[in-house]
Amino acid sequence: MDQARDGVGEEVDEFLKEATISGVKDAQALTNQEVAILLDKYRTTNVQTTPGFCPPPMVIKTQAYLEQVSGGAGKNEEAATAIRE
Protein backbone atom coordinates (compact mmCIF):
# COMPACT_ATOMS: atom_id res chain seq x y z
CA MET A 1 0.00 0.00 0.00
CA ASP A 2 2.82 2.41 0.86
CA GLN A 3 4.45 1.67 -2.48
CA ALA A 4 1.25 2.62 -4.26
CA ARG A 5 1.12 5.89 -2.34
CA ASP A 6 4.77 6.58 -3.13
CA GLY A 7 4.06 6.13 -6.83
CA VAL A 8 1.11 8.51 -6.65
CA GLY A 9 3.17 11.03 -4.70
CA GLU A 10 5.93 10.93 -7.31
CA GLU A 11 3.36 11.27 -10.09
CA VAL A 12 1.78 14.31 -8.41
CA ASP A 13 5.22 15.84 -7.75
CA GLU A 14 6.16 15.41 -11.40
CA PHE A 15 2.86 16.95 -12.53
CA LEU A 16 3.33 19.92 -10.21
CA LYS A 17 6.83 20.53 -11.58
CA GLU A 18 5.28 20.87 -15.04
CA ALA A 19 2.40 23.05 -13.81
CA THR A 20 4.43 26.16 -13.12
CA ILE A 21 2.83 29.57 -13.19
CA SER A 22 4.89 32.63 -14.00
CA GLY A 23 4.85 35.14 -11.16
CA VAL A 24 3.73 32.63 -8.54
CA LYS A 25 6.55 31.74 -6.16
CA ASP A 26 4.85 29.25 -3.84
CA ALA A 27 1.61 27.39 -3.26
CA GLN A 28 0.45 29.92 -0.67
CA ALA A 29 -0.01 32.44 -3.47
CA LEU A 30 -2.80 30.34 -5.00
CA THR A 31 -6.45 30.63 -4.10
CA ASN A 32 -8.57 27.60 -3.30
CA GLN A 33 -10.17 27.77 -6.73
CA GLU A 34 -6.79 27.82 -8.45
CA VAL A 35 -5.70 24.72 -6.54
CA ALA A 36 -8.96 23.05 -7.59
CA ILE A 37 -8.20 23.96 -11.21
CA LEU A 38 -4.72 22.41 -10.90
CA LEU A 39 -6.22 19.22 -9.48
CA ASP A 40 -8.76 19.12 -12.32
CA LYS A 41 -5.99 19.61 -14.87
CA TYR A 42 -4.02 16.76 -13.22
CA ARG A 43 -7.05 14.47 -13.36
CA THR A 44 -8.03 15.42 -16.92
CA THR A 45 -4.48 15.03 -18.24
CA ASN A 46 -4.10 11.59 -16.72
CA VAL A 47 -7.54 10.41 -17.85
CA GLN A 48 -6.62 11.37 -21.43
CA THR A 49 -3.15 9.81 -21.37
CA THR A 50 -3.63 6.74 -19.15
CA PRO A 51 -6.39 4.26 -20.03
CA GLY A 52 -8.36 3.30 -16.95
CA PHE A 53 -6.83 6.08 -14.83
CA CYS A 54 -8.70 6.74 -11.61
CA PRO A 55 -7.45 9.62 -9.47
CA PRO A 56 -6.66 8.91 -5.83
CA PRO A 57 -9.73 9.41 -3.60
CA MET A 58 -8.00 12.23 -1.72
CA VAL A 59 -7.52 14.18 -4.96
CA ILE A 60 -11.23 13.84 -5.74
CA LYS A 61 -12.28 14.84 -2.21
CA THR A 62 -9.84 17.76 -2.07
CA GLN A 63 -10.98 19.06 -5.45
CA ALA A 64 -14.65 18.86 -4.48
CA TYR A 65 -13.99 20.59 -1.15
CA LEU A 66 -11.98 23.40 -2.73
CA GLU A 67 -14.59 23.99 -5.41
CA GLN A 68 -17.27 24.14 -2.72
CA VAL A 69 -15.45 26.61 -0.46
CA SER A 70 -13.97 28.82 -3.20
CA GLY A 71 -17.42 30.14 -4.04
CA GLY A 72 -16.73 31.80 -7.36
CA ALA A 73 -13.99 33.63 -9.17
CA GLY A 74 -10.43 33.33 -7.90
CA LYS A 75 -8.69 36.29 -6.34
CA ASN A 76 -5.84 36.13 -8.82
CA GLU A 77 -7.53 35.82 -12.20
CA GLU A 78 -4.24 36.11 -14.12
CA ALA A 79 -2.81 33.06 -12.34
CA ALA A 80 -6.10 31.19 -12.76
CA THR A 81 -6.01 31.87 -16.50
CA ALA A 82 -2.40 30.66 -16.70
CA ILE A 83 -3.37 27.44 -14.90
CA ARG A 84 -6.23 26.74 -17.30
CA GLU A 85 -3.99 27.05 -20.39
PDB file of N, CA and C in Angstrom:
ATOM      1  N   MET A   1       0.829  -1.198   0.000  1.00  0.00           N
ATOM      2  CA  MET A   1       0.000   0.000   0.000  1.00  0.00           C
ATOM      3  C   MET A   1       0.869   1.255   0.000  1.00  0.00           C
ATOM      4  N   ASP A   2       1.933   1.255   0.819  1.00  0.00           N
ATOM      5  CA  ASP A   2       2.817   2.408   0.858  1.00  0.00           C
ATOM      6  C   ASP A   2       3.496   2.625  -0.484  1.00  0.00           C
ATOM      7  N   GLN A   3       3.831   1.539  -1.169  1.00  0.00           N
ATOM      8  CA  GLN A   3       4.455   1.671  -2.475  1.00  0.00           C
ATOM      9  C   GLN A   3       3.502   2.329  -3.460  1.00  0.00           C
ATOM     10  N   ALA A   4       2.231   1.997  -3.385  1.00  0.00           N
ATOM     11  CA  ALA A   4       1.245   2.623  -4.264  1.00  0.00           C
ATOM     12  C   ALA A   4       1.154   4.110  -3.977  1.00  0.00           C
ATOM     13  N   ARG A   5       1.158   4.474  -2.702  1.00  0.00           N
ATOM     14  CA  ARG A   5       1.119   5.888  -2.337  1.00  0.00           C
ATOM     15  C   ARG A   5       2.362   6.606  -2.824  1.00  0.00           C
ATOM     16  N   ASP A   6       3.527   5.968  -2.674  1.00  0.00           N
ATOM     17  CA  ASP A   6       4.766   6.583  -3.129  1.00  0.00           C
ATOM     18  C   ASP A   6       4.710   6.866  -4.621  1.00  0.00           C
ATOM     19  N   GLY A   7       4.185   5.931  -5.389  1.00  0.00           N
ATOM     20  CA  GLY A   7       4.059   6.131  -6.826  1.00  0.00           C
ATOM     21  C   GLY A   7       3.144   7.289  -7.156  1.00  0.00           C
ATOM     22  N   VAL A   8       2.037   7.403  -6.438  1.00  0.00           N
ATOM     23  CA  VAL A   8       1.108   8.509  -6.649  1.00  0.00           C
ATOM     24  C   VAL A   8       1.776   9.816  -6.262  1.00  0.00           C
ATOM     25  N   GLY A   9       2.491   9.816  -5.146  1.00  0.00           N
ATOM     26  CA  GLY A   9       3.172  11.032  -4.705  1.00  0.00           C
ATOM     27  C   GLY A   9       4.189  11.504  -5.721  1.00  0.00           C
ATOM     28  N   GLU A  10       4.954  10.576  -6.282  1.00  0.00           N
ATOM     29  CA  GLU A  10       5.931  10.934  -7.305  1.00  0.00           C
ATOM     30  C   GLU A  10       5.232  11.459  -8.550  1.00  0.00           C
ATOM     31  N   GLU A  11       4.120  10.838  -8.913  1.00  0.00           N
ATOM     32  CA  GLU A  11       3.363  11.269 -10.085  1.00  0.00           C
ATOM     33  C   GLU A  11       2.832  12.687  -9.886  1.00  0.00           C
ATOM     34  N   VAL A  12       2.298  12.967  -8.708  1.00  0.00           N
ATOM     35  CA  VAL A  12       1.784  14.305  -8.409  1.00  0.00           C
ATOM     36  C   VAL A  12       2.928  15.309  -8.398  1.00  0.00           C
ATOM     37  N   ASP A  13       4.059  14.947  -7.771  1.00  0.00           N
ATOM     38  CA  ASP A  13       5.215  15.845  -7.746  1.00  0.00           C
ATOM     39  C   ASP A  13       5.672  16.182  -9.156  1.00  0.00           C
ATOM     40  N   GLU A  14       5.735  15.184 -10.022  1.00  0.00           N
ATOM     41  CA  GLU A  14       6.161  15.406 -11.404  1.00  0.00           C
ATOM     42  C   GLU A  14       5.174  16.317 -12.124  1.00  0.00           C
ATOM     43  N   PHE A  15       3.876  16.098 -11.910  1.00  0.00           N
ATOM     44  CA  PHE A  15       2.863  16.951 -12.532  1.00  0.00           C
ATOM     45  C   PHE A  15       3.011  18.386 -12.059  1.00  0.00           C
ATOM     46  N   LEU A  16       3.219  18.573 -10.754  1.00  0.00           N
ATOM     47  CA  LEU A  16       3.329  19.923 -10.214  1.00  0.00           C
ATOM     48  C   LEU A  16       4.570  20.639 -10.724  1.00  0.00           C
ATOM     49  N   LYS A  17       5.639  19.905 -10.995  1.00  0.00           N
ATOM     50  CA  LYS A  17       6.831  20.526 -11.583  1.00  0.00           C
ATOM     51  C   LYS A  17       6.503  21.115 -12.948  1.00  0.00           C
ATOM     52  N   GLU A  18       5.655  20.419 -13.698  1.00  0.00           N
ATOM     53  CA  GLU A  18       5.282  20.866 -15.035  1.00  0.00           C
ATOM     54  C   GLU A  18       4.223  21.968 -14.995  1.00  0.00           C
ATOM     55  N   ALA A  19       3.509  22.091 -13.915  1.00  0.00           N
ATOM     56  CA  ALA A  19       2.403  23.049 -13.810  1.00  0.00           C
ATOM     57  C   ALA A  19       2.870  24.338 -13.148  1.00  0.00           C
ATOM     58  N   THR A  20       3.920  24.922 -13.694  1.00  0.00           N
ATOM     59  CA  THR A  20       4.433  26.162 -13.119  1.00  0.00           C
ATOM     60  C   THR A  20       3.641  27.348 -13.646  1.00  0.00           C
ATOM     61  N   ILE A  21       3.577  28.373 -12.848  1.00  0.00           N
ATOM     62  CA  ILE A  21       2.834  29.572 -13.187  1.00  0.00           C
ATOM     63  C   ILE A  21       3.780  30.750 -13.036  1.00  0.00           C
ATOM     64  N   SER A  22       3.979  31.504 -14.096  1.00  0.00           N
ATOM     65  CA  SER A  22       4.889  32.634 -13.999  1.00  0.00           C
ATOM     66  C   SER A  22       4.359  33.638 -12.988  1.00  0.00           C
ATOM     67  N   GLY A  23       5.234  34.146 -12.154  1.00  0.00           N
ATOM     68  CA  GLY A  23       4.854  35.137 -11.161  1.00  0.00           C
ATOM     69  C   GLY A  23       4.377  34.553  -9.847  1.00  0.00           C
ATOM     70  N   VAL A  24       4.162  33.254  -9.782  1.00  0.00           N
ATOM     71  CA  VAL A  24       3.730  32.627  -8.540  1.00  0.00           C
ATOM     72  C   VAL A  24       4.918  31.875  -7.960  1.00  0.00           C
ATOM     73  N   LYS A  25       5.342  32.293  -6.761  1.00  0.00           N
ATOM     74  CA  LYS A  25       6.555  31.740  -6.163  1.00  0.00           C
ATOM     75  C   LYS A  25       6.300  30.515  -5.298  1.00  0.00           C
ATOM     76  N   ASP A  26       5.127  30.399  -4.701  1.00  0.00           N
ATOM     77  CA  ASP A  26       4.852  29.248  -3.845  1.00  0.00           C
ATOM     78  C   ASP A  26       3.359  28.958  -3.826  1.00  0.00           C
ATOM     79  N   ALA A  27       3.012  27.829  -3.264  1.00  0.00           N
ATOM     80  CA  ALA A  27       1.613  27.394  -3.260  1.00  0.00           C
ATOM     81  C   ALA A  27       0.715  28.317  -2.451  1.00  0.00           C
ATOM     82  N   GLN A  28       1.272  29.032  -1.484  1.00  0.00           N
ATOM     83  CA  GLN A  28       0.453  29.916  -0.669  1.00  0.00           C
ATOM     84  C   GLN A  28      -0.112  31.077  -1.477  1.00  0.00           C
ATOM     85  N   ALA A  29       0.465  31.340  -2.633  1.00  0.00           N
ATOM     86  CA  ALA A  29      -0.011  32.436  -3.466  1.00  0.00           C
ATOM     87  C   ALA A  29      -1.256  32.059  -4.262  1.00  0.00           C
ATOM     88  N   LEU A  30      -1.641  30.791  -4.238  1.00  0.00           N
ATOM     89  CA  LEU A  30      -2.797  30.336  -4.997  1.00  0.00           C
ATOM     90  C   LEU A  30      -4.061  30.369  -4.149  1.00  0.00           C
ATOM     91  N   THR A  31      -5.162  30.689  -4.791  1.00  0.00           N
ATOM     92  CA  THR A  31      -6.446  30.631  -4.099  1.00  0.00           C
ATOM     93  C   THR A  31      -6.943  29.188  -4.107  1.00  0.00           C
ATOM     94  N   ASN A  32      -7.972  28.938  -3.329  1.00  0.00           N
ATOM     95  CA  ASN A  32      -8.573  27.599  -3.301  1.00  0.00           C
ATOM     96  C   ASN A  32      -9.045  27.174  -4.685  1.00  0.00           C
ATOM     97  N   GLN A  33      -9.651  28.105  -5.413  1.00  0.00           N
ATOM     98  CA  GLN A  33     -10.169  27.770  -6.734  1.00  0.00           C
ATOM     99  C   GLN A  33      -9.028  27.411  -7.686  1.00  0.00           C
ATOM    100  N   GLU A  34      -7.926  28.106  -7.580  1.00  0.00           N
ATOM    101  CA  GLU A  34      -6.789  27.822  -8.450  1.00  0.00           C
ATOM    102  C   GLU A  34      -6.196  26.442  -8.161  1.00  0.00           C
ATOM    103  N   VAL A  35      -6.167  26.069  -6.890  1.00  0.00           N
ATOM    104  CA  VAL A  35      -5.701  24.724  -6.535  1.00  0.00           C
ATOM    105  C   VAL A  35      -6.671  23.687  -7.108  1.00  0.00           C
ATOM    106  N   ALA A  36      -7.964  23.965  -7.023  1.00  0.00           N
ATOM    107  CA  ALA A  36      -8.961  23.051  -7.586  1.00  0.00           C
ATOM    108  C   ALA A  36      -8.774  22.911  -9.094  1.00  0.00           C
ATOM    109  N   ILE A  37      -8.433  24.001  -9.763  1.00  0.00           N
ATOM    110  CA  ILE A  37      -8.198  23.961 -11.207  1.00  0.00           C
ATOM    111  C   ILE A  37      -6.979  23.095 -11.518  1.00  0.00           C
ATOM    112  N   LEU A  38      -5.921  23.241 -10.719  1.00  0.00           N
ATOM    113  CA  LEU A  38      -4.725  22.405 -10.903  1.00  0.00           C
ATOM    114  C   LEU A  38      -5.055  20.924 -10.733  1.00  0.00           C
ATOM    115  N   LEU A  39      -5.840  20.613  -9.704  1.00  0.00           N
ATOM    116  CA  LEU A  39      -6.224  19.219  -9.480  1.00  0.00           C
ATOM    117  C   LEU A  39      -7.055  18.687 -10.645  1.00  0.00           C
ATOM    118  N   ASP A  40      -7.948  19.532 -11.185  1.00  0.00           N
ATOM    119  CA  ASP A  40      -8.761  19.123 -12.321  1.00  0.00           C
ATOM    120  C   ASP A  40      -7.882  18.887 -13.544  1.00  0.00           C
ATOM    121  N   LYS A  41      -6.901  19.768 -13.740  1.00  0.00           N
ATOM    122  CA  LYS A  41      -5.985  19.606 -14.868  1.00  0.00           C
ATOM    123  C   LYS A  41      -5.182  18.309 -14.717  1.00  0.00           C
ATOM    124  N   TYR A  42      -4.739  18.013 -13.501  1.00  0.00           N
ATOM    125  CA  TYR A  42      -4.019  16.762 -13.218  1.00  0.00           C
ATOM    126  C   TYR A  42      -4.889  15.557 -13.577  1.00  0.00           C
ATOM    127  N   ARG A  43      -6.139  15.586 -13.114  1.00  0.00           N
ATOM    128  CA  ARG A  43      -7.052  14.469 -13.362  1.00  0.00           C
ATOM    129  C   ARG A  43      -7.346  14.338 -14.855  1.00  0.00           C
ATOM    130  N   THR A  44      -7.675  15.440 -15.501  1.00  0.00           N
ATOM    131  CA  THR A  44      -8.025  15.425 -16.917  1.00  0.00           C
ATOM    132  C   THR A  44      -6.861  14.941 -17.771  1.00  0.00           C
ATOM    133  N   THR A  45      -5.667  15.436 -17.482  1.00  0.00           N
ATOM    134  CA  THR A  45      -4.479  15.033 -18.236  1.00  0.00           C
ATOM    135  C   THR A  45      -4.244  13.538 -18.115  1.00  0.00           C
ATOM    136  N   ASN A  46      -4.348  13.013 -16.916  1.00  0.00           N
ATOM    137  CA  ASN A  46      -4.099  11.585 -16.716  1.00  0.00           C
ATOM    138  C   ASN A  46      -5.202  10.715 -17.295  1.00  0.00           C
ATOM    139  N   VAL A  47      -6.437  11.176 -17.269  1.00  0.00           N
ATOM    140  CA  VAL A  47      -7.540  10.414 -17.855  1.00  0.00           C
ATOM    141  C   VAL A  47      -7.325  10.299 -19.360  1.00  0.00           C
ATOM    142  N   GLN A  48      -6.832  11.378 -19.982  1.00  0.00           N
ATOM    143  CA  GLN A  48      -6.624  11.372 -21.427  1.00  0.00           C
ATOM    144  C   GLN A  48      -5.417  10.534 -21.836  1.00  0.00           C
ATOM    145  N   THR A  49      -4.391  10.478 -20.991  1.00  0.00           N
ATOM    146  CA  THR A  49      -3.148   9.807 -21.374  1.00  0.00           C
ATOM    147  C   THR A  49      -3.006   8.396 -20.813  1.00  0.00           C
ATOM    148  N   THR A  50      -3.766   8.055 -19.784  1.00  0.00           N
ATOM    149  CA  THR A  50      -3.634   6.744 -19.146  1.00  0.00           C
ATOM    150  C   THR A  50      -4.979   6.025 -19.161  1.00  0.00           C
ATOM    151  N   PRO A  51      -5.119   5.006 -20.002  1.00  0.00           N
ATOM    152  CA  PRO A  51      -6.386   4.264 -20.032  1.00  0.00           C
ATOM    153  C   PRO A  51      -6.712   3.674 -18.657  1.00  0.00           C
ATOM    154  N   GLY A  52      -7.926   3.847 -18.229  1.00  0.00           N
ATOM    155  CA  GLY A  52      -8.358   3.300 -16.946  1.00  0.00           C
ATOM    156  C   GLY A  52      -7.871   4.081 -15.739  1.00  0.00           C
ATOM    157  N   PHE A  53      -7.336   5.294 -15.959  1.00  0.00           N
ATOM    158  CA  PHE A  53      -6.831   6.082 -14.830  1.00  0.00           C
ATOM    159  C   PHE A  53      -7.977   6.471 -13.908  1.00  0.00           C
ATOM    160  N   CYS A  54      -7.757   6.299 -12.627  1.00  0.00           N
ATOM    161  CA  CYS A  54      -8.703   6.736 -11.605  1.00  0.00           C
ATOM    162  C   CYS A  54      -7.906   7.534 -10.580  1.00  0.00           C
ATOM    163  N   PRO A  55      -8.226   8.820 -10.412  1.00  0.00           N
ATOM    164  CA  PRO A  55      -7.451   9.623  -9.469  1.00  0.00           C
ATOM    165  C   PRO A  55      -7.594   9.099  -8.046  1.00  0.00           C
ATOM    166  N   PRO A  56      -6.576   9.319  -7.226  1.00  0.00           N
ATOM    167  CA  PRO A  56      -6.661   8.906  -5.828  1.00  0.00           C
ATOM    168  C   PRO A  56      -7.872   9.564  -5.157  1.00  0.00           C
ATOM    169  N   PRO A  57      -8.546   8.857  -4.257  1.00  0.00           N
ATOM    170  CA  PRO A  57      -9.731   9.413  -3.597  1.00  0.00           C
ATOM    171  C   PRO A  57      -9.470  10.771  -2.935  1.00  0.00           C
ATOM    172  N   MET A  58      -8.279  10.965  -2.381  1.00  0.00           N
ATOM    173  CA  MET A  58      -7.996  12.235  -1.717  1.00  0.00           C
ATOM    174  C   MET A  58      -7.966  13.391  -2.717  1.00  0.00           C
ATOM    175  N   VAL A  59      -7.514  13.142  -3.934  1.00  0.00           N
ATOM    176  CA  VAL A  59      -7.520  14.183  -4.963  1.00  0.00           C
ATOM    177  C   VAL A  59      -8.956  14.569  -5.286  1.00  0.00           C
ATOM    178  N   ILE A  60      -9.817  13.577  -5.429  1.00  0.00           N
ATOM    179  CA  ILE A  60     -11.226  13.839  -5.736  1.00  0.00           C
ATOM    180  C   ILE A  60     -11.887  14.619  -4.601  1.00  0.00           C
ATOM    181  N   LYS A  61     -11.669  14.173  -3.367  1.00  0.00           N
ATOM    182  CA  LYS A  61     -12.277  14.839  -2.211  1.00  0.00           C
ATOM    183  C   LYS A  61     -11.741  16.258  -2.042  1.00  0.00           C
ATOM    184  N   THR A  62     -10.438  16.433  -2.219  1.00  0.00           N
ATOM    185  CA  THR A  62      -9.843  17.764  -2.072  1.00  0.00           C
ATOM    186  C   THR A  62     -10.377  18.703  -3.134  1.00  0.00           C
ATOM    187  N   GLN A  63     -10.464  18.228  -4.366  1.00  0.00           N
ATOM    188  CA  GLN A  63     -10.975  19.062  -5.449  1.00  0.00           C
ATOM    189  C   GLN A  63     -12.421  19.475  -5.176  1.00  0.00           C
ATOM    190  N   ALA A  64     -13.250  18.546  -4.764  1.00  0.00           N
ATOM    191  CA  ALA A  64     -14.648  18.857  -4.477  1.00  0.00           C
ATOM    192  C   ALA A  64     -14.761  19.861  -3.335  1.00  0.00           C
ATOM    193  N   TYR A  65     -13.966  19.670  -2.290  1.00  0.00           N
ATOM    194  CA  TYR A  65     -13.991  20.590  -1.152  1.00  0.00           C
ATOM    195  C   TYR A  65     -13.560  21.992  -1.578  1.00  0.00           C
ATOM    196  N   LEU A  66     -12.477  22.087  -2.318  1.00  0.00           N
ATOM    197  CA  LEU A  66     -11.982  23.401  -2.728  1.00  0.00           C
ATOM    198  C   LEU A  66     -12.963  24.113  -3.643  1.00  0.00           C
ATOM    199  N   GLU A  67     -13.593  23.376  -4.544  1.00  0.00           N
ATOM    200  CA  GLU A  67     -14.590  23.992  -5.414  1.00  0.00           C
ATOM    201  C   GLU A  67     -15.785  24.490  -4.604  1.00  0.00           C
ATOM    202  N   GLN A  68     -16.134  23.751  -3.569  1.00  0.00           N
ATOM    203  CA  GLN A  68     -17.268  24.136  -2.725  1.00  0.00           C
ATOM    204  C   GLN A  68     -16.954  25.403  -1.930  1.00  0.00           C
ATOM    205  N   VAL A  69     -15.762  25.476  -1.333  1.00  0.00           N
ATOM    206  CA  VAL A  69     -15.453  26.613  -0.462  1.00  0.00           C
ATOM    207  C   VAL A  69     -14.940  27.826  -1.214  1.00  0.00           C
ATOM    208  N   SER A  70     -14.505  27.666  -2.479  1.00  0.00           N
ATOM    209  CA  SER A  70     -13.967  28.819  -3.199  1.00  0.00           C
ATOM    210  C   SER A  70     -15.069  29.804  -3.561  1.00  0.00           C
ATOM    211  N   GLY A  71     -16.245  29.299  -3.838  1.00  0.00           N
ATOM    212  CA  GLY A  71     -17.415  30.144  -4.043  1.00  0.00           C
ATOM    213  C   GLY A  71     -17.313  31.181  -5.137  1.00  0.00           C
ATOM    214  N   GLY A  72     -16.728  30.855  -6.251  1.00  0.00           N
ATOM    215  CA  GLY A  72     -16.730  31.797  -7.357  1.00  0.00           C
ATOM    216  C   GLY A  72     -15.350  32.090  -7.895  1.00  0.00           C
ATOM    217  N   ALA A  73     -15.228  33.263  -8.485  1.00  0.00           N
ATOM    218  CA  ALA A  73     -13.986  33.630  -9.165  1.00  0.00           C
ATOM    219  C   ALA A  73     -12.816  33.693  -8.201  1.00  0.00           C
ATOM    220  N   GLY A  74     -11.655  33.274  -8.700  1.00  0.00           N
ATOM    221  CA  GLY A  74     -10.432  33.330  -7.902  1.00  0.00           C
ATOM    222  C   GLY A  74      -9.989  34.761  -7.677  1.00  0.00           C
ATOM    223  N   LYS A  75      -9.184  34.949  -6.653  1.00  0.00           N
ATOM    224  CA  LYS A  75      -8.693  36.287  -6.337  1.00  0.00           C
ATOM    225  C   LYS A  75      -7.635  36.735  -7.327  1.00  0.00           C
ATOM    226  N   ASN A  76      -6.908  35.803  -7.890  1.00  0.00           N
ATOM    227  CA  ASN A  76      -5.841  36.133  -8.816  1.00  0.00           C
ATOM    228  C   ASN A  76      -6.209  35.569 -10.183  1.00  0.00           C
ATOM    229  N   GLU A  77      -6.992  36.312 -10.935  1.00  0.00           N
ATOM    230  CA  GLU A  77      -7.527  35.822 -12.204  1.00  0.00           C
ATOM    231  C   GLU A  77      -6.425  35.551 -13.223  1.00  0.00           C
ATOM    232  N   GLU A  78      -5.351  36.326 -13.187  1.00  0.00           N
ATOM    233  CA  GLU A  78      -4.241  36.111 -14.120  1.00  0.00           C
ATOM    234  C   GLU A  78      -3.613  34.733 -13.900  1.00  0.00           C
ATOM    235  N   ALA A  79      -3.378  34.375 -12.645  1.00  0.00           N
ATOM    236  CA  ALA A  79      -2.813  33.058 -12.338  1.00  0.00           C
ATOM    237  C   ALA A  79      -3.806  31.959 -12.697  1.00  0.00           C
ATOM    238  N   ALA A  80      -5.085  32.186 -12.433  1.00  0.00           N
ATOM    239  CA  ALA A  80      -6.101  31.189 -12.755  1.00  0.00           C
ATOM    240  C   ALA A  80      -6.149  30.945 -14.261  1.00  0.00           C
ATOM    241  N   THR A  81      -6.022  32.009 -15.049  1.00  0.00           N
ATOM    242  CA  THR A  81      -6.010  31.872 -16.503  1.00  0.00           C
ATOM    243  C   THR A  81      -4.788  31.088 -16.954  1.00  0.00           C
ATOM    244  N   ALA A  82      -3.635  31.370 -16.351  1.00  0.00           N
ATOM    245  CA  ALA A  82      -2.404  30.656 -16.697  1.00  0.00           C
ATOM    246  C   ALA A  82      -2.524  29.174 -16.375  1.00  0.00           C
ATOM    247  N   ILE A  83      -3.198  28.841 -15.290  1.00  0.00           N
ATOM    248  CA  ILE A  83      -3.370  27.443 -14.901  1.00  0.00           C
ATOM    249  C   ILE A  83      -4.237  26.722 -15.921  1.00  0.00           C
ATOM    250  N   ARG A  84      -5.290  27.375 -16.377  1.00  0.00           N
ATOM    251  CA  ARG A  84      -6.233  26.745 -17.300  1.00  0.00           C
ATOM    252  C   ARG A  84      -5.600  26.435 -18.651  1.00  0.00           C
ATOM    253  N   GLU A  85      -4.600  27.207 -19.051  1.00  0.00           N
ATOM    254  CA  GLU A  85      -3.994  27.055 -20.385  1.00  0.00           C
ATOM    255  C   GLU A  85      -3.061  25.902 -20.476  1.00  0.00           C
TER     256      GLU A  85
END
